[in-house]
């Protein structure tokens, strides 16, 4: 039996931030991954991979997710930035 290759988990905070915030907002809205993906027109595994930081959505897809979650895209970005700062211990690293 052939093993599936392990998916590499992101170590970059920016890659993780998208997924963390999407998951938080989805759960606050009371949506399952399946419901969110259906309303966005995406496959459920796409949402799962976004939330785990395996892939990052394009801006247009992120905008669609934000619309379904009834959250302005700018609010999504602010929450991502706050999450990154909190993970860095409050000290912002140079880009």
PDB file of N, CA and C in Angstrom:
ATOM      1  N   UNK A   1       0.843  -1.176   0.000  1.00  0.00           N
ATOM      2  CA  UNK A   1       0.000   0.000   0.000  1.00  0.00           C
ATOM      3  C   UNK A   1       0.889   1.241   0.000  1.00  0.00           C
ATOM      4  N   UNK A   2       0.581   2.152  -0.901  1.00  0.00           N
ATOM      5  CA  UNK A   2       1.391   3.350  -1.043  1.00  0.00           C
ATOM      6  C   UNK A   2       0.903   4.426  -0.074  1.00  0.00           C
ATOM      7  N   UNK A   3       1.851   5.054   0.607  1.00  0.00           N
ATOM      8  CA  UNK A   3       1.499   6.124   1.540  1.00  0.00           C
ATOM      9  C   UNK A   3       1.331   7.444   0.811  1.00  0.00           C
ATOM     10  N   UNK A   4       0.423   8.221   1.313  1.00  0.00           N
ATOM     11  CA  UNK A   4       0.234   9.561   0.770  1.00  0.00           C
ATOM     12  C   UNK A   4       1.363  10.447   1.279  1.00  0.00           C
ATOM     13  N   UNK A   5       1.882  11.321   0.452  1.00  0.00           N
ATOM     14  CA  UNK A   5       2.928  12.220   0.931  1.00  0.00           C
ATOM     15  C   UNK A   5       2.360  13.174   1.981  1.00  0.00           C
ATOM     16  N   UNK A   6       3.179  13.473   2.963  1.00  0.00           N
ATOM     17  CA  UNK A   6       2.743  14.402   4.010  1.00  0.00           C
ATOM     18  C   UNK A   6       2.706  15.818   3.454  1.00  0.00           C
ATOM     19  N   UNK A   7       1.685  16.548   3.834  1.00  0.00           N
ATOM     20  CA  UNK A   7       1.608  17.933   3.410  1.00  0.00           C
ATOM     21  C   UNK A   7       2.482  18.774   4.331  1.00  0.00           C
ATOM     22  N   UNK A   8       3.225  19.649   3.737  1.00  0.00           N
ATOM     23  CA  UNK A   8       4.112  20.508   4.510  1.00  0.00           C
ATOM     24  C   UNK A   8       3.282  21.608   5.151  1.00  0.00           C
ATOM     25  N   UNK A   9       3.406  21.734   6.456  1.00  0.00           N
ATOM     26  CA  UNK A   9       2.684  22.774   7.163  1.00  0.00           C
ATOM     27  C   UNK A   9       3.476  24.074   7.052  1.00  0.00           C
ATOM     28  N   UNK A  10       2.788  25.192   6.868  1.00  0.00           N
ATOM     29  CA  UNK A  10       3.486  26.458   6.679  1.00  0.00           C
ATOM     30  C   UNK A  10       4.207  26.906   7.942  1.00  0.00           C
ATOM     31  N   UNK A  11       5.348  27.515   7.745  1.00  0.00           N
ATOM     32  CA  UNK A  11       6.073  28.102   8.870  1.00  0.00           C
ATOM     33  C   UNK A  11       6.025  29.621   8.781  1.00  0.00           C
ATOM     34  N   UNK A  12       5.681  30.143   7.608  1.00  0.00           N
ATOM     35  CA  UNK A  12       5.571  31.577   7.405  1.00  0.00           C
ATOM     36  C   UNK A  12       4.290  32.087   8.066  1.00  0.00           C
ATOM     37  N   UNK A  13       4.432  33.073   8.938  1.00  0.00           N
ATOM     38  CA  UNK A  13       3.266  33.596   9.655  1.00  0.00           C
ATOM     39  C   UNK A  13       2.213  34.176   8.716  1.00  0.00           C
ATOM     40  N   UNK A  14       2.643  34.784   7.632  1.00  0.00           N
ATOM     41  CA  UNK A  14       1.667  35.367   6.705  1.00  0.00           C
ATOM     42  C   UNK A  14       0.831  34.283   6.045  1.00  0.00           C
ATOM     43  N   UNK A  15       1.446  33.163   5.733  1.00  0.00           N
ATOM     44  CA  UNK A  15       0.706  32.050   5.131  1.00  0.00           C
ATOM     45  C   UNK A  15      -0.291  31.472   6.125  1.00  0.00           C
ATOM     46  N   UNK A  16       0.096  31.409   7.389  1.00  0.00           N
ATOM     47  CA  UNK A  16      -0.797  30.870   8.416  1.00  0.00           C
ATOM     48  C   UNK A  16      -1.930  31.829   8.764  1.00  0.00           C
ATOM     49  N   UNK A  17      -1.644  33.128   8.724  1.00  0.00           N
ATOM     50  CA  UNK A  17      -2.614  34.136   9.155  1.00  0.00           C
ATOM     51  C   UNK A  17      -3.905  34.082   8.351  1.00  0.00           C
ATOM     52  N   UNK A  18      -3.799  33.878   7.058  1.00  0.00           N
ATOM     53  CA  UNK A  18      -4.997  33.818   6.210  1.00  0.00           C
ATOM     54  C   UNK A  18      -5.918  32.713   6.715  1.00  0.00           C
ATOM     55  N   UNK A  19      -5.353  31.538   6.903  1.00  0.00           N
ATOM     56  CA  UNK A  19      -6.149  30.394   7.335  1.00  0.00           C
ATOM     57  C   UNK A  19      -6.745  30.553   8.716  1.00  0.00           C
ATOM     58  N   UNK A  20      -5.958  31.090   9.641  1.00  0.00           N
ATOM     59  CA  UNK A  20      -6.445  31.283  11.012  1.00  0.00           C
ATOM     60  C   UNK A  20      -7.651  32.218  11.015  1.00  0.00           C
ATOM     61  N   UNK A  21      -7.543  33.317  10.292  1.00  0.00           N
ATOM     62  CA  UNK A  21      -8.622  34.308  10.278  1.00  0.00           C
ATOM     63  C   UNK A  21      -9.853  33.780   9.545  1.00  0.00           C
ATOM     64  N   UNK A  22      -9.656  33.103   8.427  1.00  0.00           N
ATOM     65  CA  UNK A  22     -10.807  32.533   7.708  1.00  0.00           C
ATOM     66  C   UNK A  22     -11.535  31.536   8.607  1.00  0.00           C
ATOM     67  N   UNK A  23     -10.791  30.677   9.298  1.00  0.00           N
ATOM     68  CA  UNK A  23     -11.414  29.697  10.192  1.00  0.00           C
ATOM     69  C   UNK A  23     -12.185  30.392  11.315  1.00  0.00           C
ATOM     70  N   UNK A  24     -11.567  31.403  11.951  1.00  0.00           N
ATOM     71  CA  UNK A  24     -12.241  32.124  13.038  1.00  0.00           C
ATOM     72  C   UNK A  24     -13.543  32.741  12.558  1.00  0.00           C
ATOM     73  N   UNK A  25     -13.492  33.427  11.432  1.00  0.00           N
ATOM     74  CA  UNK A  25     -14.692  34.087  10.914  1.00  0.00           C
ATOM     75  C   UNK A  25     -15.751  33.080  10.491  1.00  0.00           C
ATOM     76  N   UNK A  26     -15.316  31.974   9.892  1.00  0.00           N
ATOM     77  CA  UNK A  26     -16.265  30.931   9.480  1.00  0.00           C
ATOM     78  C   UNK A  26     -16.984  30.370  10.693  1.00  0.00           C
ATOM     79  N   UNK A  27     -16.222  30.064  11.741  1.00  0.00           N
ATOM     80  CA  UNK A  27     -16.825  29.498  12.951  1.00  0.00           C
ATOM     81  C   UNK A  27     -17.748  30.508  13.630  1.00  0.00           C
ATOM     82  N   UNK A  28     -17.346  31.785  13.664  1.00  0.00           N
ATOM     83  CA  UNK A  28     -18.200  32.824  14.259  1.00  0.00           C
ATOM     84  C   UNK A  28     -19.511  32.962  13.496  1.00  0.00           C
ATOM     85  N   UNK A  29     -19.457  32.762  12.187  1.00  0.00           N
ATOM     86  CA  UNK A  29     -20.667  32.855  11.355  1.00  0.00           C
ATOM     87  C   UNK A  29     -21.521  31.597  11.458  1.00  0.00           C
ATOM     88  N   UNK A  30     -20.986  30.552  12.105  1.00  0.00           N
ATOM     89  CA  UNK A  30     -21.729  29.310  12.246  1.00  0.00           C
ATOM     90  C   UNK A  30     -21.740  28.466  10.982  1.00  0.00           C
ATOM     91  N   UNK A  31     -20.770  28.673  10.114  1.00  0.00           N
ATOM     92  CA  UNK A  31     -20.684  27.927   8.853  1.00  0.00           C
ATOM     93  C   UNK A  31     -19.745  26.737   9.011  1.00  0.00           C
ATOM     94  N   UNK A  32     -20.105  25.643   8.394  1.00  0.00           N
ATOM     95  CA  UNK A  32     -19.173  24.522   8.261  1.00  0.00           C
ATOM     96  C   UNK A  32     -18.295  24.815   7.049  1.00  0.00           C
ATOM     97  N   UNK A  33     -17.212  24.061   6.917  1.00  0.00           N
ATOM     98  CA  UNK A  33     -16.383  24.214   5.719  1.00  0.00           C
ATOM     99  C   UNK A  33     -17.212  23.924   4.471  1.00  0.00           C
ATOM    100  N   UNK A  34     -18.063  22.938   4.569  1.00  0.00           N
ATOM    101  CA  UNK A  34     -18.884  22.556   3.420  1.00  0.00           C
ATOM    102  C   UNK A  34     -19.845  23.670   3.026  1.00  0.00           C
ATOM    103  N   UNK A  35     -20.495  24.276   4.005  1.00  0.00           N
ATOM    104  CA  UNK A  35     -21.440  25.359   3.703  1.00  0.00           C
ATOM    105  C   UNK A  35     -20.712  26.554   3.093  1.00  0.00           C
ATOM    106  N   UNK A  36     -19.567  26.922   3.693  1.00  0.00           N
ATOM    107  CA  UNK A  36     -18.803  28.049   3.159  1.00  0.00           C
ATOM    108  C   UNK A  36     -18.356  27.766   1.728  1.00  0.00           C
ATOM    109  N   UNK A  37     -17.846  26.577   1.511  1.00  0.00           N
ATOM    110  CA  UNK A  37     -17.361  26.249   0.165  1.00  0.00           C
ATOM    111  C   UNK A  37     -18.507  26.253  -0.847  1.00  0.00           C
ATOM    112  N   UNK A  38     -19.660  25.729  -0.465  1.00  0.00           N
ATOM    113  CA  UNK A  38     -20.818  25.728  -1.375  1.00  0.00           C
ATOM    114  C   UNK A  38     -21.260  27.145  -1.722  1.00  0.00           C
ATOM    115  N   UNK A  39     -21.330  28.013  -0.712  1.00  0.00           N
ATOM    116  CA  UNK A  39     -21.777  29.380  -0.949  1.00  0.00           C
ATOM    117  C   UNK A  39     -20.760  30.181  -1.758  1.00  0.00           C
ATOM    118  N   UNK A  40     -19.489  29.807  -1.648  1.00  0.00           N
ATOM    119  CA  UNK A  40     -18.435  30.479  -2.426  1.00  0.00           C
ATOM    120  C   UNK A  40     -18.283  29.882  -3.820  1.00  0.00           C
ATOM    121  N   UNK A  41     -18.760  28.651  -3.985  1.00  0.00           N
ATOM    122  CA  UNK A  41     -18.585  27.959  -5.252  1.00  0.00           C
ATOM    123  C   UNK A  41     -17.237  27.244  -5.351  1.00  0.00           C
ATOM    124  N   UNK A  42     -16.659  26.895  -4.190  1.00  0.00           N
ATOM    125  CA  UNK A  42     -15.377  26.204  -4.137  1.00  0.00           C
ATOM    126  C   UNK A  42     -15.592  24.777  -3.660  1.00  0.00           C
ATOM    127  N   UNK A  43     -14.591  23.957  -3.844  1.00  0.00           N
ATOM    128  CA  UNK A  43     -14.590  22.610  -3.289  1.00  0.00           C
ATOM    129  C   UNK A  43     -14.301  22.702  -1.783  1.00  0.00           C
ATOM    130  N   UNK A  44     -14.892  21.813  -0.998  1.00  0.00           N
ATOM    131  CA  UNK A  44     -14.666  21.850   0.445  1.00  0.00           C
ATOM    132  C   UNK A  44     -13.192  21.688   0.791  1.00  0.00           C
ATOM    133  N   UNK A  45     -12.486  20.876   0.030  1.00  0.00           N
ATOM    134  CA  UNK A  45     -11.070  20.672   0.331  1.00  0.00           C
ATOM    135  C   UNK A  45     -10.265  21.946   0.112  1.00  0.00           C
ATOM    136  N   UNK A  46     -10.756  22.823  -0.761  1.00  0.00           N
ATOM    137  CA  UNK A  46     -10.070  24.106  -0.976  1.00  0.00           C
ATOM    138  C   UNK A  46     -10.108  24.926   0.315  1.00  0.00           C
ATOM    139  N   UNK A  47     -11.280  25.020   0.928  1.00  0.00           N
ATOM    140  CA  UNK A  47     -11.414  25.773   2.181  1.00  0.00           C
ATOM    141  C   UNK A  47     -10.546  25.137   3.262  1.00  0.00           C
ATOM    142  N   UNK A  48     -10.543  23.828   3.340  1.00  0.00           N
ATOM    143  CA  UNK A  48      -9.717  23.129   4.319  1.00  0.00           C
ATOM    144  C   UNK A  48      -8.236  23.473   4.132  1.00  0.00           C
ATOM    145  N   UNK A  49      -7.785  23.466   2.895  1.00  0.00           N
ATOM    146  CA  UNK A  49      -6.376  23.756   2.617  1.00  0.00           C
ATOM    147  C   UNK A  49      -6.041  25.213   2.894  1.00  0.00           C
ATOM    148  N   UNK A  50      -6.985  26.117   2.652  1.00  0.00           N
ATOM    149  CA  UNK A  50      -6.777  27.533   2.992  1.00  0.00           C
ATOM    150  C   UNK A  50      -6.632  27.674   4.503  1.00  0.00           C
ATOM    151  N   UNK A  51      -7.545  27.065   5.245  1.00  0.00           N
ATOM    152  CA  UNK A  51      -7.535  27.179   6.699  1.00  0.00           C
ATOM    153  C   UNK A  51      -6.276  26.582   7.331  1.00  0.00           C
ATOM    154  N   UNK A  52      -5.724  25.565   6.712  1.00  0.00           N
ATOM    155  CA  UNK A  52      -4.500  24.952   7.239  1.00  0.00           C
ATOM    156  C   UNK A  52      -3.247  25.659   6.749  1.00  0.00           C
ATOM    157  N   UNK A  53      -3.402  26.662   5.896  1.00  0.00           N
ATOM    158  CA  UNK A  53      -2.259  27.413   5.402  1.00  0.00           C
ATOM    159  C   UNK A  53      -1.476  26.690   4.329  1.00  0.00           C
ATOM    160  N   UNK A  54      -2.060  25.642   3.758  1.00  0.00           N
ATOM    161  CA  UNK A  54      -1.400  24.882   2.702  1.00  0.00           C
ATOM    162  C   UNK A  54      -1.364  25.713   1.418  1.00  0.00           C
ATOM    163  N   UNK A  55      -2.472  26.422   1.151  1.00  0.00           N
ATOM    164  CA  UNK A  55      -2.541  27.304  -0.010  1.00  0.00           C
ATOM    165  C   UNK A  55      -3.079  28.653   0.442  1.00  0.00           C
ATOM    166  N   UNK A  56      -2.771  29.670  -0.310  1.00  0.00           N
ATOM    167  CA  UNK A  56      -3.317  31.006  -0.065  1.00  0.00           C
ATOM    168  C   UNK A  56      -4.215  31.375  -1.217  1.00  0.00           C
ATOM    169  N   UNK A  57      -5.402  31.858  -0.911  1.00  0.00           N
ATOM    170  CA  UNK A  57      -6.332  32.206  -1.976  1.00  0.00           C
ATOM    171  C   UNK A  57      -5.896  33.471  -2.708  1.00  0.00           C
ATOM    172  N   UNK A  58      -6.342  33.591  -3.952  1.00  0.00           N
ATOM    173  CA  UNK A  58      -6.137  34.836  -4.686  1.00  0.00           C
ATOM    174  C   UNK A  58      -7.004  35.904  -4.024  1.00  0.00           C
ATOM    175  N   UNK A  59      -6.742  37.152  -4.356  1.00  0.00           N
ATOM    176  CA  UNK A  59      -7.524  38.237  -3.775  1.00  0.00           C
ATOM    177  C   UNK A  59      -8.997  38.094  -4.142  1.00  0.00           C
ATOM    178  N   UNK A  60      -9.278  37.715  -5.378  1.00  0.00           N
ATOM    179  CA  UNK A  60     -10.683  37.586  -5.774  1.00  0.00           C
ATOM    180  C   UNK A  60     -11.386  36.474  -4.992  1.00  0.00           C
ATOM    181  N   UNK A  61     -10.685  35.374  -4.721  1.00  0.00           N
ATOM    182  CA  UNK A  61     -11.289  34.297  -3.925  1.00  0.00           C
ATOM    183  C   UNK A  61     -11.428  34.706  -2.464  1.00  0.00           C
ATOM    184  N   UNK A  62     -10.437  35.428  -1.947  1.00  0.00           N
ATOM    185  CA  UNK A  62     -10.520  35.913  -0.571  1.00  0.00           C
ATOM    186  C   UNK A  62     -11.676  36.895  -0.429  1.00  0.00           C
ATOM    187  N   UNK A  63     -11.886  37.691  -1.451  1.00  0.00           N
ATOM    188  CA  UNK A  63     -12.991  38.641  -1.448  1.00  0.00           C
ATOM    189  C   UNK A  63     -14.324  37.895  -1.426  1.00  0.00           C
ATOM    190  N   UNK A  64     -14.418  36.825  -2.187  1.00  0.00           N
ATOM    191  CA  UNK A  64     -15.649  36.020  -2.216  1.00  0.00           C
ATOM    192  C   UNK A  64     -15.912  35.405  -0.840  1.00  0.00           C
ATOM    193  N   UNK A  65     -14.853  34.890  -0.204  1.00  0.00           N
ATOM    194  CA  UNK A  65     -14.983  34.324   1.142  1.00  0.00           C
ATOM    195  C   UNK A  65     -15.473  35.402   2.104  1.00  0.00           C
ATOM    196  N   UNK A  66     -14.863  36.584   2.039  1.00  0.00           N
ATOM    197  CA  UNK A  66     -15.260  37.689   2.915  1.00  0.00           C
ATOM    198  C   UNK A  66     -16.727  38.065   2.695  1.00  0.00           C
ATOM    199  N   UNK A  67     -17.150  38.118   1.444  1.00  0.00           N
ATOM    200  CA  UNK A  67     -18.552  38.456   1.140  1.00  0.00           C
ATOM    201  C   UNK A  67     -19.513  37.438   1.747  1.00  0.00           C
ATOM    202  N   UNK A  68     -19.207  36.154   1.585  1.00  0.00           N
ATOM    203  CA  UNK A  68     -20.076  35.109   2.135  1.00  0.00           C
ATOM    204  C   UNK A  68     -20.129  35.202   3.661  1.00  0.00           C
ATOM    205  N   UNK A  69     -18.998  35.551   4.273  1.00  0.00           N
ATOM    206  CA  UNK A  69     -18.940  35.670   5.733  1.00  0.00           C
ATOM    207  C   UNK A  69     -19.417  37.043   6.214  1.00  0.00           C
ATOM    208  N   UNK A  70     -19.878  37.864   5.261  1.00  0.00           N
ATOM    209  CA  UNK A  70     -20.397  39.201   5.569  1.00  0.00           C
ATOM    210  C   UNK A  70     -19.392  40.035   6.368  1.00  0.00           C
ATOM    211  N   UNK A  71     -18.152  39.996   5.890  1.00  0.00           N
ATOM    212  CA  UNK A  71     -17.055  40.729   6.513  1.00  0.00           C
ATOM    213  C   UNK A  71     -16.325  41.508   5.426  1.00  0.00           C
ATOM    214  N   UNK A  72     -16.082  42.802   5.647  1.00  0.00           N
ATOM    215  CA  UNK A  72     -15.322  43.551   4.643  1.00  0.00           C
ATOM    216  C   UNK A  72     -13.913  42.958   4.484  1.00  0.00           C
ATOM    217  N   UNK A  73     -13.408  42.957   3.265  1.00  0.00           N
ATOM    218  CA  UNK A  73     -12.071  42.435   3.005  1.00  0.00           C
ATOM    219  C   UNK A  73     -11.034  43.174   3.847  1.00  0.00           C
ATOM    220  N   UNK A  74     -11.228  44.472   4.034  1.00  0.00           N
ATOM    221  CA  UNK A  74     -10.283  45.250   4.844  1.00  0.00           C
ATOM    222  C   UNK A  74     -10.249  44.743   6.285  1.00  0.00           C
ATOM    223  N   UNK A  75     -11.384  44.302   6.804  1.00  0.00           N
ATOM    224  CA  UNK A  75     -11.432  43.754   8.165  1.00  0.00           C
ATOM    225  C   UNK A  75     -10.678  42.436   8.233  1.00  0.00           C
ATOM    226  N   UNK A  76     -10.792  41.622   7.193  1.00  0.00           N
ATOM    227  CA  UNK A  76     -10.047  40.367   7.118  1.00  0.00           C
ATOM    228  C   UNK A  76      -8.553  40.659   7.196  1.00  0.00           C
ATOM    229  N   UNK A  77      -8.096  41.635   6.398  1.00  0.00           N
ATOM    230  CA  UNK A  77      -6.673  41.992   6.371  1.00  0.00           C
ATOM    231  C   UNK A  77      -6.211  42.525   7.728  1.00  0.00           C
ATOM    232  N   UNK A  78      -7.017  43.349   8.379  1.00  0.00           N
ATOM    233  CA  UNK A  78      -6.649  43.882   9.697  1.00  0.00           C
ATOM    234  C   UNK A  78      -6.498  42.761  10.716  1.00  0.00           C
ATOM    235  N   UNK A  79      -7.418  41.810  10.675  1.00  0.00           N
ATOM    236  CA  UNK A  79      -7.341  40.689  11.620  1.00  0.00           C
ATOM    237  C   UNK A  79      -6.101  39.841  11.367  1.00  0.00           C
ATOM    238  N   UNK A  80      -5.744  39.665  10.093  1.00  0.00           N
ATOM    239  CA  UNK A  80      -4.532  38.912   9.764  1.00  0.00           C
ATOM    240  C   UNK A  80      -3.304  39.629  10.325  1.00  0.00           C
ATOM    241  N   UNK A  81      -3.242  40.940  10.124  1.00  0.00           N
ATOM    242  CA  UNK A  81      -2.105  41.707  10.629  1.00  0.00           C
ATOM    243  C   UNK A  81      -2.014  41.625  12.154  1.00  0.00           C
ATOM    244  N   UNK A  82      -3.153  41.750  12.832  1.00  0.00           N
ATOM    245  CA  UNK A  82      -3.150  41.652  14.304  1.00  0.00           C
ATOM    246  C   UNK A  82      -2.691  40.277  14.765  1.00  0.00           C
ATOM    247  N   UNK A  83      -3.120  39.228  14.054  1.00  0.00           N
ATOM    248  CA  UNK A  83      -2.721  37.874  14.433  1.00  0.00           C
ATOM    249  C   UNK A  83      -1.211  37.711  14.278  1.00  0.00           C
ATOM    250  N   UNK A  84      -0.653  38.220  13.187  1.00  0.00           N
ATOM    251  CA  UNK A  84       0.789  38.119  12.957  1.00  0.00           C
ATOM    252  C   UNK A  84       1.552  38.838  14.059  1.00  0.00           C
ATOM    253  N   UNK A  85       1.123  40.047  14.394  1.00  0.00           N
ATOM    254  CA  UNK A  85       1.791  40.810  15.453  1.00  0.00           C
ATOM    255  C   UNK A  85       1.718  40.066  16.778  1.00  0.00           C
ATOM    256  N   UNK A  86       0.574  39.460  17.066  1.00  0.00           N
ATOM    257  CA  UNK A  86       0.444  38.723  18.335  1.00  0.00           C
ATOM    258  C   UNK A  86       1.372  37.507  18.375  1.00  0.00           C
ATOM    259  N   UNK A  87       1.588  36.883  17.222  1.00  0.00           N
ATOM    260  CA  UNK A  87       2.473  35.712  17.155  1.00  0.00           C
ATOM    261  C   UNK A  87       3.947  36.098  17.253  1.00  0.00           C
ATOM    262  N   UNK A  88       4.260  37.310  16.838  1.00  0.00           N
ATOM    263  CA  UNK A  88       5.638  37.790  16.889  1.00  0.00           C
ATOM    264  C   UNK A  88       5.963  38.369  18.261  1.00  0.00           C
ATOM    265  N   UNK A  89       5.023  38.309  19.163  1.00  0.00           N
ATOM    266  CA  UNK A  89       5.257  38.836  20.502  1.00  0.00           C
ATOM    267  C   UNK A  89       5.142  40.354  20.569  1.00  0.00           C
ATOM    268  N   UNK A  90       4.428  40.934  19.626  1.00  0.00           N
ATOM    269  CA  UNK A  90       4.214  42.376  19.642  1.00  0.00           C
ATOM    270  C   UNK A  90       5.292  43.161  18.927  1.00  0.00           C
ATOM    271  N   UNK A  91       6.434  42.552  18.647  1.00  0.00           N
ATOM    272  CA  UNK A  91       7.515  43.256  17.949  1.00  0.00           C
ATOM    273  C   UNK A  91       7.415  42.937  16.463  1.00  0.00           C
ATOM    274  N   UNK A  92       7.124  43.936  15.683  1.00  0.00           N
ATOM    275  CA  UNK A  92       6.968  43.732  14.254  1.00  0.00           C
ATOM    276  C   UNK A  92       8.338  43.611  13.596  1.00  0.00           C
ATOM    277  N   UNK A  93       8.500  42.553  12.809  1.00  0.00           N
ATOM    278  CA  UNK A  93       9.761  42.325  12.101  1.00  0.00           C
ATOM    279  C   UNK A  93       9.747  43.086  10.788  1.00  0.00           C
ATOM    280  N   UNK A  94      10.909  43.529  10.327  1.00  0.00           N
ATOM    281  CA  UNK A  94      10.951  44.211   9.024  1.00  0.00           C
ATOM    282  C   UNK A  94      10.593  43.248   7.905  1.00  0.00           C
ATOM    283  N   UNK A  95       9.923  43.763   6.871  1.00  0.00           N
ATOM    284  CA  UNK A  95       9.507  42.914   5.739  1.00  0.00           C
ATOM    285  C   UNK A  95      10.669  42.530   4.872  1.00  0.00           C
TER     286      UNK A  95
END
